[in-house]
Amino acid sequence: MASTNGSKRNGRKYGPTAQKKVQRAMHERKHGTLRSGGSGAKVTSRRQAIAIGLSEARRAGAKVPKKK
């Protein structure tokens, strides 16, 4: 029997709301309008943009895995 991908069996890790939040954050980063929360500095890092999107999704109650 061939092994299957565990994530398909257990459902999606990220919900559609999380996807929209990250997509919006990436779009803003691309256009240079994404700002960090504390200092208000412009975000240029792709990883930081994703982290901001996931953080917003968590606050909105979206299905997102816990921070490690």
Protein backbone atom coordinates (compact mmCIF):
# COMPACT_ATOMS: atom_id res chain seq x y z
CA MET A 1 0.00 0.00 0.00
CA ALA A 2 1.44 3.37 -1.02
CA SER A 3 1.87 6.02 1.65
CA THR A 4 -0.33 9.09 1.30
CA ASN A 5 0.27 12.66 2.29
CA GLY A 6 -0.78 13.10 5.93
CA SER A 7 -2.04 16.64 5.44
CA LYS A 8 -4.68 15.48 2.94
CA ARG A 9 -5.95 12.90 5.39
CA ASN A 10 -6.11 15.33 8.30
CA GLY A 11 -7.52 18.30 6.39
CA ARG A 12 -5.97 21.63 5.60
CA LYS A 13 -3.61 23.30 8.05
CA TYR A 14 -4.56 26.84 7.04
CA GLY A 15 -8.10 28.09 6.47
CA PRO A 16 -9.28 30.36 3.64
CA THR A 17 -9.29 33.44 5.91
CA ALA A 18 -5.60 32.88 6.68
CA GLN A 19 -4.86 32.60 2.97
CA LYS A 20 -6.60 35.93 2.28
CA LYS A 21 -4.75 37.72 5.11
CA VAL A 22 -1.34 36.48 3.93
CA GLN A 23 -2.20 37.29 0.31
CA ARG A 24 -3.13 40.87 1.32
CA ALA A 25 0.09 41.29 3.35
CA MET A 26 2.22 40.02 0.44
CA HIS A 27 0.41 42.39 -1.94
CA GLU A 28 1.06 45.34 0.36
CA ARG A 29 4.72 44.37 0.72
CA LYS A 30 5.08 44.21 -3.05
CA HIS A 31 3.68 47.73 -3.38
CA GLY A 32 5.74 49.05 -0.45
CA THR A 33 2.79 49.90 1.78
CA LEU A 34 3.16 47.15 4.42
CA ARG A 35 4.30 48.53 7.79
CA SER A 36 5.38 46.73 10.95
CA GLY A 37 3.20 47.11 14.03
CA GLY A 38 5.59 48.42 16.67
CA SER A 39 7.80 50.95 14.92
CA GLY A 40 5.80 51.52 11.75
CA ALA A 41 8.87 50.74 9.64
CA LYS A 42 8.41 49.57 6.04
CA VAL A 43 8.48 45.78 5.70
CA THR A 44 10.64 44.46 2.86
CA SER A 45 11.16 40.88 4.05
CA ARG A 46 8.97 38.18 2.50
CA ARG A 47 9.11 36.10 5.69
CA GLN A 48 8.06 39.03 7.84
CA ALA A 49 5.13 39.77 5.50
CA ILE A 50 3.93 36.17 5.86
CA ALA A 51 4.31 36.38 9.65
CA ILE A 52 2.24 39.58 9.74
CA GLY A 53 -0.50 37.97 7.62
CA LEU A 54 -0.65 34.87 9.84
CA SER A 55 -0.70 37.01 12.98
CA GLU A 56 -3.66 39.00 11.63
CA ALA A 57 -5.40 35.74 10.72
CA ARG A 58 -4.92 34.40 14.26
CA ARG A 59 -6.45 37.57 15.71
CA ALA A 60 -9.38 37.19 13.31
CA GLY A 61 -9.96 33.63 14.57
CA ALA A 62 -8.90 31.87 11.36
CA LYS A 63 -7.66 28.27 11.27
CA VAL A 64 -3.90 28.68 11.69
CA PRO A 65 -1.48 26.36 13.52
CA LYS A 66 -0.04 27.61 16.82
CA LYS A 67 3.26 29.47 16.86
CA LYS A 68 6.18 27.19 17.71
